[in-house]
Amino acid sequence: MLADWESGWTELFTELERVRPEDLARTVTVRHEPLTVVSAINRQLSHAAMHVGQIVMLARHASPGTWKSLSIPRGQSAAFNRKMAEQFKK
């Protein structure tokens, strides 16, 4: 699965390297919908983010009791915000 994941991202970045500034306003068709290249890229990134969320959710459910939060743990936002406020006051 990891090899497929890496292969997919490699393909994406290879194709993005081919995009030139003048290409960004061009129209491409995605599932019969005309989109600018910028909109198509944003659509793909949103789509990938949704799948990452699904993978994280499945991983969390597959490891009950041992899951470590990938972000601010539930109930700890206030402490995190205080820490960040102090850090940026300096």
PDB file of N, CA and C in Angstrom:
ATOM      1  N   MET A   1       0.828  -1.187   0.000  1.00  0.00           N
ATOM      2  CA  MET A   1       0.000   0.000   0.000  1.00  0.00           C
ATOM      3  C   MET A   1       0.878   1.258   0.000  1.00  0.00           C
ATOM      4  N   LEU A   2       1.947   1.242   0.790  1.00  0.00           N
ATOM      5  CA  LEU A   2       2.831   2.401   0.844  1.00  0.00           C
ATOM      6  C   LEU A   2       3.485   2.662  -0.515  1.00  0.00           C
ATOM      7  N   ALA A   3       3.834   1.601  -1.228  1.00  0.00           N
ATOM      8  CA  ALA A   3       4.440   1.762  -2.562  1.00  0.00           C
ATOM      9  C   ALA A   3       3.446   2.435  -3.517  1.00  0.00           C
ATOM     10  N   ASP A   4       2.185   2.034  -3.463  1.00  0.00           N
ATOM     11  CA  ASP A   4       1.167   2.661  -4.304  1.00  0.00           C
ATOM     12  C   ASP A   4       0.985   4.129  -3.928  1.00  0.00           C
ATOM     13  N   TRP A   5       0.990   4.404  -2.624  1.00  0.00           N
ATOM     14  CA  TRP A   5       0.859   5.771  -2.122  1.00  0.00           C
ATOM     15  C   TRP A   5       1.996   6.643  -2.679  1.00  0.00           C
ATOM     16  N   GLU A   6       3.227   6.167  -2.524  1.00  0.00           N
ATOM     17  CA  GLU A   6       4.393   6.909  -2.998  1.00  0.00           C
ATOM     18  C   GLU A   6       4.367   7.082  -4.514  1.00  0.00           C
ATOM     19  N   SER A   7       3.976   6.044  -5.217  1.00  0.00           N
ATOM     20  CA  SER A   7       3.896   6.103  -6.673  1.00  0.00           C
ATOM     21  C   SER A   7       2.900   7.167  -7.127  1.00  0.00           C
ATOM     22  N   GLY A   8       1.759   7.227  -6.464  1.00  0.00           N
ATOM     23  CA  GLY A   8       0.744   8.220  -6.811  1.00  0.00           C
ATOM     24  C   GLY A   8       1.233   9.641  -6.606  1.00  0.00           C
ATOM     25  N   TRP A   9       1.882   9.903  -5.471  1.00  0.00           N
ATOM     26  CA  TRP A   9       2.396  11.243  -5.197  1.00  0.00           C
ATOM     27  C   TRP A   9       3.542  11.596  -6.147  1.00  0.00           C
ATOM     28  N   THR A  10       4.374  10.616  -6.470  1.00  0.00           N
ATOM     29  CA  THR A  10       5.458  10.864  -7.429  1.00  0.00           C
ATOM     30  C   THR A  10       4.881  11.270  -8.778  1.00  0.00           C
ATOM     31  N   GLU A  11       3.850  10.573  -9.211  1.00  0.00           N
ATOM     32  CA  GLU A  11       3.193  10.901 -10.477  1.00  0.00           C
ATOM     33  C   GLU A  11       2.617  12.311 -10.439  1.00  0.00           C
ATOM     34  N   LEU A  12       1.963  12.669  -9.347  1.00  0.00           N
ATOM     35  CA  LEU A  12       1.396  14.009  -9.219  1.00  0.00           C
ATOM     36  C   LEU A  12       2.476  15.078  -9.340  1.00  0.00           C
ATOM     37  N   PHE A  13       3.553  14.939  -8.571  1.00  0.00           N
ATOM     38  CA  PHE A  13       4.590  15.963  -8.591  1.00  0.00           C
ATOM     39  C   PHE A  13       5.327  16.010  -9.932  1.00  0.00           C
ATOM     40  N   THR A  14       5.460  14.875 -10.587  1.00  0.00           N
ATOM     41  CA  THR A  14       6.066  14.852 -11.921  1.00  0.00           C
ATOM     42  C   THR A  14       5.216  15.667 -12.891  1.00  0.00           C
ATOM     43  N   GLU A  15       3.913  15.481 -12.832  1.00  0.00           N
ATOM     44  CA  GLU A  15       3.014  16.226 -13.723  1.00  0.00           C
ATOM     45  C   GLU A  15       2.973  17.707 -13.363  1.00  0.00           C
ATOM     46  N   LEU A  16       2.983  18.023 -12.057  1.00  0.00           N
ATOM     47  CA  LEU A  16       2.957  19.430 -11.660  1.00  0.00           C
ATOM     48  C   LEU A  16       4.206  20.176 -12.124  1.00  0.00           C
ATOM     49  N   GLU A  17       5.328  19.483 -12.185  1.00  0.00           N
ATOM     50  CA  GLU A  17       6.565  20.114 -12.669  1.00  0.00           C
ATOM     51  C   GLU A  17       6.450  20.527 -14.137  1.00  0.00           C
ATOM     52  N   ARG A  18       5.566  19.874 -14.862  1.00  0.00           N
ATOM     53  CA  ARG A  18       5.390  20.187 -16.283  1.00  0.00           C
ATOM     54  C   ARG A  18       4.501  21.411 -16.511  1.00  0.00           C
ATOM     55  N   VAL A  19       3.746  21.798 -15.489  1.00  0.00           N
ATOM     56  CA  VAL A  19       2.819  22.921 -15.625  1.00  0.00           C
ATOM     57  C   VAL A  19       3.604  24.235 -15.608  1.00  0.00           C
ATOM     58  N   ARG A  20       3.326  25.081 -16.588  1.00  0.00           N
ATOM     59  CA  ARG A  20       3.970  26.393 -16.715  1.00  0.00           C
ATOM     60  C   ARG A  20       2.961  27.477 -16.324  1.00  0.00           C
ATOM     61  N   PRO A  21       3.432  28.642 -15.939  1.00  0.00           N
ATOM     62  CA  PRO A  21       2.496  29.714 -15.547  1.00  0.00           C
ATOM     63  C   PRO A  21       1.405  29.973 -16.585  1.00  0.00           C
ATOM     64  N   GLU A  22       1.760  29.922 -17.846  1.00  0.00           N
ATOM     65  CA  GLU A  22       0.756  30.180 -18.887  1.00  0.00           C
ATOM     66  C   GLU A  22      -0.297  29.070 -18.982  1.00  0.00           C
ATOM     67  N   ASP A  23      -0.027  27.912 -18.411  1.00  0.00           N
ATOM     68  CA  ASP A  23      -0.995  26.806 -18.422  1.00  0.00           C
ATOM     69  C   ASP A  23      -2.104  26.994 -17.393  1.00  0.00           C
ATOM     70  N   LEU A  24      -1.865  27.796 -16.358  1.00  0.00           N
ATOM     71  CA  LEU A  24      -2.780  27.858 -15.220  1.00  0.00           C
ATOM     72  C   LEU A  24      -4.180  28.340 -15.576  1.00  0.00           C
ATOM     73  N   ALA A  25      -4.305  29.177 -16.571  1.00  0.00           N
ATOM     74  CA  ALA A  25      -5.625  29.679 -16.966  1.00  0.00           C
ATOM     75  C   ALA A  25      -6.289  28.820 -18.036  1.00  0.00           C
ATOM     76  N   ARG A  26      -5.573  27.835 -18.566  1.00  0.00           N
ATOM     77  CA  ARG A  26      -6.164  26.943 -19.582  1.00  0.00           C
ATOM     78  C   ARG A  26      -7.333  26.176 -18.987  1.00  0.00           C
ATOM     79  N   THR A  27      -8.197  25.718 -19.855  1.00  0.00           N
ATOM     80  CA  THR A  27      -9.329  24.907 -19.424  1.00  0.00           C
ATOM     81  C   THR A  27      -9.031  23.445 -19.708  1.00  0.00           C
ATOM     82  N   VAL A  28      -9.293  22.612 -18.702  1.00  0.00           N
ATOM     83  CA  VAL A  28      -9.193  21.160 -18.841  1.00  0.00           C
ATOM     84  C   VAL A  28     -10.545  20.579 -18.452  1.00  0.00           C
ATOM     85  N   THR A  29     -10.787  19.349 -18.830  1.00  0.00           N
ATOM     86  CA  THR A  29     -12.058  18.711 -18.513  1.00  0.00           C
ATOM     87  C   THR A  29     -11.822  17.581 -17.519  1.00  0.00           C
ATOM     88  N   VAL A  30     -12.535  17.636 -16.406  1.00  0.00           N
ATOM     89  CA  VAL A  30     -12.461  16.598 -15.379  1.00  0.00           C
ATOM     90  C   VAL A  30     -13.871  16.052 -15.189  1.00  0.00           C
ATOM     91  N   ARG A  31     -14.062  14.792 -15.533  1.00  0.00           N
ATOM     92  CA  ARG A  31     -15.385  14.159 -15.431  1.00  0.00           C
ATOM     93  C   ARG A  31     -16.469  14.998 -16.126  1.00  0.00           C
ATOM     94  N   HIS A  32     -16.170  15.424 -17.331  1.00  0.00           N
ATOM     95  CA  HIS A  32     -17.071  16.187 -18.197  1.00  0.00           C
ATOM     96  C   HIS A  32     -17.275  17.627 -17.730  1.00  0.00           C
ATOM     97  N   GLU A  33     -16.545  18.067 -16.735  1.00  0.00           N
ATOM     98  CA  GLU A  33     -16.686  19.434 -16.220  1.00  0.00           C
ATOM     99  C   GLU A  33     -15.481  20.277 -16.644  1.00  0.00           C
ATOM    100  N   PRO A  34     -15.720  21.387 -17.337  1.00  0.00           N
ATOM    101  CA  PRO A  34     -14.599  22.250 -17.708  1.00  0.00           C
ATOM    102  C   PRO A  34     -14.100  23.019 -16.485  1.00  0.00           C
ATOM    103  N   LEU A  35     -12.795  22.969 -16.267  1.00  0.00           N
ATOM    104  CA  LEU A  35     -12.172  23.652 -15.131  1.00  0.00           C
ATOM    105  C   LEU A  35     -10.876  24.304 -15.597  1.00  0.00           C
ATOM    106  N   THR A  36     -10.487  25.389 -14.938  1.00  0.00           N
ATOM    107  CA  THR A  36      -9.150  25.908 -15.196  1.00  0.00           C
ATOM    108  C   THR A  36      -8.161  24.916 -14.584  1.00  0.00           C
ATOM    109  N   VAL A  37      -6.928  24.988 -15.018  1.00  0.00           N
ATOM    110  CA  VAL A  37      -5.899  24.104 -14.463  1.00  0.00           C
ATOM    111  C   VAL A  37      -5.783  24.334 -12.957  1.00  0.00           C
ATOM    112  N   VAL A  38      -5.840  25.601 -12.522  1.00  0.00           N
ATOM    113  CA  VAL A  38      -5.777  25.900 -11.083  1.00  0.00           C
ATOM    114  C   VAL A  38      -6.924  25.217 -10.349  1.00  0.00           C
ATOM    115  N   SER A  39      -8.137  25.311 -10.873  1.00  0.00           N
ATOM    116  CA  SER A  39      -9.289  24.675 -10.231  1.00  0.00           C
ATOM    117  C   SER A  39      -9.149  23.155 -10.216  1.00  0.00           C
ATOM    118  N   ALA A  40      -8.616  22.591 -11.283  1.00  0.00           N
ATOM    119  CA  ALA A  40      -8.427  21.135 -11.344  1.00  0.00           C
ATOM    120  C   ALA A  40      -7.401  20.680 -10.305  1.00  0.00           C
ATOM    121  N   ILE A  41      -6.334  21.452 -10.141  1.00  0.00           N
ATOM    122  CA  ILE A  41      -5.323  21.119  -9.130  1.00  0.00           C
ATOM    123  C   ILE A  41      -5.941  21.210  -7.739  1.00  0.00           C
ATOM    124  N   ASN A  42      -6.689  22.285  -7.474  1.00  0.00           N
ATOM    125  CA  ASN A  42      -7.347  22.424  -6.170  1.00  0.00           C
ATOM    126  C   ASN A  42      -8.333  21.291  -5.917  1.00  0.00           C
ATOM    127  N   ARG A  43      -9.060  20.905  -6.949  1.00  0.00           N
ATOM    128  CA  ARG A  43     -10.010  19.797  -6.814  1.00  0.00           C
ATOM    129  C   ARG A  43      -9.269  18.507  -6.439  1.00  0.00           C
ATOM    130  N   GLN A  44      -8.152  18.243  -7.097  1.00  0.00           N
ATOM    131  CA  GLN A  44      -7.383  17.031  -6.818  1.00  0.00           C
ATOM    132  C   GLN A  44      -6.819  17.048  -5.408  1.00  0.00           C
ATOM    133  N   LEU A  45      -6.305  18.201  -4.971  1.00  0.00           N
ATOM    134  CA  LEU A  45      -5.766  18.290  -3.612  1.00  0.00           C
ATOM    135  C   LEU A  45      -6.858  18.078  -2.566  1.00  0.00           C
ATOM    136  N   SER A  46      -8.041  18.627  -2.805  1.00  0.00           N
ATOM    137  CA  SER A  46      -9.165  18.410  -1.885  1.00  0.00           C
ATOM    138  C   SER A  46      -9.558  16.939  -1.858  1.00  0.00           C
ATOM    139  N   HIS A  47      -9.564  16.325  -3.016  1.00  0.00           N
ATOM    140  CA  HIS A  47      -9.908  14.909  -3.123  1.00  0.00           C
ATOM    141  C   HIS A  47      -8.897  14.050  -2.362  1.00  0.00           C
ATOM    142  N   ALA A  48      -7.617  14.362  -2.530  1.00  0.00           N
ATOM    143  CA  ALA A  48      -6.569  13.619  -1.823  1.00  0.00           C
ATOM    144  C   ALA A  48      -6.703  13.813  -0.318  1.00  0.00           C
ATOM    145  N   ALA A  49      -6.989  15.048   0.104  1.00  0.00           N
ATOM    146  CA  ALA A  49      -7.144  15.327   1.537  1.00  0.00           C
ATOM    147  C   ALA A  49      -8.297  14.506   2.131  1.00  0.00           C
ATOM    148  N   MET A  50      -9.381  14.363   1.378  1.00  0.00           N
ATOM    149  CA  MET A  50     -10.506  13.560   1.852  1.00  0.00           C
ATOM    150  C   MET A  50     -10.066  12.109   2.074  1.00  0.00           C
ATOM    151  N   HIS A  51      -9.300  11.572   1.136  1.00  0.00           N
ATOM    152  CA  HIS A  51      -8.847  10.189   1.283  1.00  0.00           C
ATOM    153  C   HIS A  51      -7.851  10.037   2.427  1.00  0.00           C
ATOM    154  N   VAL A  52      -7.006  11.031   2.636  1.00  0.00           N
ATOM    155  CA  VAL A  52      -6.096  10.980   3.786  1.00  0.00           C
ATOM    156  C   VAL A  52      -6.917  10.928   5.079  1.00  0.00           C
ATOM    157  N   GLY A  53      -7.950  11.747   5.147  1.00  0.00           N
ATOM    158  CA  GLY A  53      -8.836  11.717   6.320  1.00  0.00           C
ATOM    159  C   GLY A  53      -9.467  10.353   6.509  1.00  0.00           C
ATOM    160  N   GLN A  54      -9.873   9.711   5.435  1.00  0.00           N
ATOM    161  CA  GLN A  54     -10.453   8.372   5.536  1.00  0.00           C
ATOM    162  C   GLN A  54      -9.427   7.367   6.054  1.00  0.00           C
ATOM    163  N   ILE A  55      -8.205   7.466   5.565  1.00  0.00           N
ATOM    164  CA  ILE A  55      -7.145   6.552   6.009  1.00  0.00           C
ATOM    165  C   ILE A  55      -6.871   6.756   7.495  1.00  0.00           C
ATOM    166  N   VAL A  56      -6.794   8.013   7.920  1.00  0.00           N
ATOM    167  CA  VAL A  56      -6.552   8.306   9.335  1.00  0.00           C
ATOM    168  C   VAL A  56      -7.691   7.756  10.192  1.00  0.00           C
ATOM    169  N   MET A  57      -8.930   7.959   9.755  1.00  0.00           N
ATOM    170  CA  MET A  57     -10.078   7.453  10.513  1.00  0.00           C
ATOM    171  C   MET A  57     -10.016   5.931  10.643  1.00  0.00           C
ATOM    172  N   LEU A  58      -9.709   5.241   9.552  1.00  0.00           N
ATOM    173  CA  LEU A  58      -9.618   3.785   9.609  1.00  0.00           C
ATOM    174  C   LEU A  58      -8.477   3.332  10.508  1.00  0.00           C
ATOM    175  N   ALA A  59      -7.348   4.029  10.442  1.00  0.00           N
ATOM    176  CA  ALA A  59      -6.210   3.683  11.305  1.00  0.00           C
ATOM    177  C   ALA A  59      -6.571   3.880  12.768  1.00  0.00           C
ATOM    178  N   ARG A  60      -7.281   4.964  13.046  1.00  0.00           N
ATOM    179  CA  ARG A  60      -7.691   5.233  14.435  1.00  0.00           C
ATOM    180  C   ARG A  60      -8.619   4.131  14.947  1.00  0.00           C
ATOM    181  N   HIS A  61      -9.555   3.726  14.132  1.00  0.00           N
ATOM    182  CA  HIS A  61     -10.483   2.671  14.537  1.00  0.00           C
ATOM    183  C   HIS A  61      -9.797   1.310  14.643  1.00  0.00           C
ATOM    184  N   ALA A  62      -8.725   1.128  13.907  1.00  0.00           N
ATOM    185  CA  ALA A  62      -8.004  -0.144  13.929  1.00  0.00           C
ATOM    186  C   ALA A  62      -7.043  -0.238  15.112  1.00  0.00           C
ATOM    187  N   SER A  63      -6.859   0.873  15.830  1.00  0.00           N
ATOM    188  CA  SER A  63      -5.919   0.852  16.961  1.00  0.00           C
ATOM    189  C   SER A  63      -6.538   1.486  18.204  1.00  0.00           C
ATOM    190  N   PRO A  64      -7.645   0.926  18.694  1.00  0.00           N
ATOM    191  CA  PRO A  64      -8.302   1.508  19.870  1.00  0.00           C
ATOM    192  C   PRO A  64      -7.389   1.458  21.096  1.00  0.00           C
ATOM    193  N   GLY A  65      -7.391   2.559  21.825  1.00  0.00           N
ATOM    194  CA  GLY A  65      -6.605   2.617  23.046  1.00  0.00           C
ATOM    195  C   GLY A  65      -5.139   2.957  22.839  1.00  0.00           C
ATOM    196  N   THR A  66      -4.638   2.820  21.626  1.00  0.00           N
ATOM    197  CA  THR A  66      -3.225   3.102  21.377  1.00  0.00           C
ATOM    198  C   THR A  66      -3.034   4.283  20.427  1.00  0.00           C
ATOM    199  N   TRP A  67      -4.125   4.852  19.941  1.00  0.00           N
ATOM    200  CA  TRP A  67      -4.039   5.932  18.969  1.00  0.00           C
ATOM    201  C   TRP A  67      -3.501   7.199  19.615  1.00  0.00           C
ATOM    202  N   LYS A  68      -2.540   7.823  18.960  1.00  0.00           N
ATOM    203  CA  LYS A  68      -1.992   9.094  19.401  1.00  0.00           C
ATOM    204  C   LYS A  68      -2.474  10.150  18.424  1.00  0.00           C
ATOM    205  N   SER A  69      -3.073  11.209  18.947  1.00  0.00           N
ATOM    206  CA  SER A  69      -3.634  12.263  18.109  1.00  0.00           C
ATOM    207  C   SER A  69      -2.587  12.827  17.164  1.00  0.00           C
ATOM    208  N   LEU A  70      -3.018  13.125  15.934  1.00  0.00           N
ATOM    209  CA  LEU A  70      -2.126  13.715  14.938  1.00  0.00           C
ATOM    210  C   LEU A  70      -2.100  15.243  15.054  1.00  0.00           C
ATOM    211  N   SER A  71      -2.990  15.776  15.869  1.00  0.00           N
ATOM    212  CA  SER A  71      -3.031  17.229  16.048  1.00  0.00           C
ATOM    213  C   SER A  71      -3.191  17.509  17.542  1.00  0.00           C
ATOM    214  N   ILE A  72      -3.865  18.582  17.883  1.00  0.00           N
ATOM    215  CA  ILE A  72      -4.077  18.931  19.285  1.00  0.00           C
ATOM    216  C   ILE A  72      -5.077  17.933  19.864  1.00  0.00           C
ATOM    217  N   PRO A  73      -4.691  17.206  20.919  1.00  0.00           N
ATOM    218  CA  PRO A  73      -5.612  16.228  21.507  1.00  0.00           C
ATOM    219  C   PRO A  73      -6.889  16.889  22.030  1.00  0.00           C
ATOM    220  N   ARG A  74      -7.969  16.169  21.990  1.00  0.00           N
ATOM    221  CA  ARG A  74      -9.262  16.650  22.452  1.00  0.00           C
ATOM    222  C   ARG A  74      -9.135  17.172  23.884  1.00  0.00           C
ATOM    223  N   GLY A  75      -9.696  18.360  24.096  1.00  0.00           N
ATOM    224  CA  GLY A  75      -9.697  18.955  25.428  1.00  0.00           C
ATOM    225  C   GLY A  75      -8.430  19.723  25.781  1.00  0.00           C
ATOM    226  N   GLN A  76      -7.476  19.807  24.859  1.00  0.00           N
ATOM    227  CA  GLN A  76      -6.216  20.480  25.170  1.00  0.00           C
ATOM    228  C   GLN A  76      -5.980  21.736  24.319  1.00  0.00           C
ATOM    229  N   SER A  77      -7.021  22.238  23.693  1.00  0.00           N
ATOM    230  CA  SER A  77      -6.878  23.424  22.834  1.00  0.00           C
ATOM    231  C   SER A  77      -6.468  24.659  23.627  1.00  0.00           C
ATOM    232  N   ALA A  78      -7.079  24.874  24.791  1.00  0.00           N
ATOM    233  CA  ALA A  78      -6.764  26.073  25.583  1.00  0.00           C
ATOM    234  C   ALA A  78      -5.292  26.083  25.979  1.00  0.00           C
ATOM    235  N   ALA A  79      -4.777  24.945  26.444  1.00  0.00           N
ATOM    236  CA  ALA A  79      -3.362  24.865  26.834  1.00  0.00           C
ATOM    237  C   ALA A  79      -2.466  25.100  25.621  1.00  0.00           C
ATOM    238  N   PHE A  80      -2.826  24.548  24.493  1.00  0.00           N
ATOM    239  CA  PHE A  80      -2.043  24.745  23.278  1.00  0.00           C
ATOM    240  C   PHE A  80      -2.032  26.216  22.881  1.00  0.00           C
ATOM    241  N   ASN A  81      -3.209  26.848  22.932  1.00  0.00           N
ATOM    242  CA  ASN A  81      -3.296  28.262  22.560  1.00  0.00           C
ATOM    243  C   ASN A  81      -2.467  29.144  23.490  1.00  0.00           C
ATOM    244  N   ARG A  82      -2.471  28.856  24.794  1.00  0.00           N
ATOM    245  CA  ARG A  82      -1.637  29.612  25.735  1.00  0.00           C
ATOM    246  C   ARG A  82      -0.160  29.456  25.391  1.00  0.00           C
ATOM    247  N   LYS A  83       0.249  28.224  25.109  1.00  0.00           N
ATOM    248  CA  LYS A  83       1.640  27.951  24.766  1.00  0.00           C
ATOM    249  C   LYS A  83       2.056  28.715  23.511  1.00  0.00           C
ATOM    250  N   MET A  84       1.201  28.710  22.495  1.00  0.00           N
ATOM    251  CA  MET A  84       1.504  29.409  21.253  1.00  0.00           C
ATOM    252  C   MET A  84       1.558  30.919  21.473  1.00  0.00           C
ATOM    253  N   ALA A  85       0.635  31.447  22.289  1.00  0.00           N
ATOM    254  CA  ALA A  85       0.624  32.883  22.571  1.00  0.00           C
ATOM    255  C   ALA A  85       1.911  33.299  23.245  1.00  0.00           C
ATOM    256  N   GLU A  86       2.373  32.501  24.188  1.00  0.00           N
ATOM    257  CA  GLU A  86       3.642  32.794  24.876  1.00  0.00           C
ATOM    258  C   GLU A  86       4.821  32.729  23.911  1.00  0.00           C
ATOM    259  N   GLN A  87       4.813  31.756  23.058  1.00  0.00           N
ATOM    260  CA  GLN A  87       5.913  31.572  22.109  1.00  0.00           C
ATOM    261  C   GLN A  87       6.053  32.780  21.184  1.00  0.00           C
ATOM    262  N   PHE A  88       4.927  33.348  20.756  1.00  0.00           N
ATOM    263  CA  PHE A  88       4.987  34.430  19.789  1.00  0.00           C
ATOM    264  C   PHE A  88       5.054  35.814  20.434  1.00  0.00           C
ATOM    265  N   LYS A  89       4.974  35.867  21.762  1.00  0.00           N
ATOM    266  CA  LYS A  89       5.165  37.142  22.453  1.00  0.00           C
ATOM    267  C   LYS A  89       6.643  37.508  22.499  1.00  0.00           C
ATOM    268  N   LYS A  90       7.499  36.518  22.439  1.00  0.00           N
ATOM    269  CA  LYS A  90       8.945  36.720  22.584  1.00  0.00           C
ATOM    270  C   LYS A  90       9.550  37.440  21.424  1.00  0.00           C
TER     271      LYS A  90
END
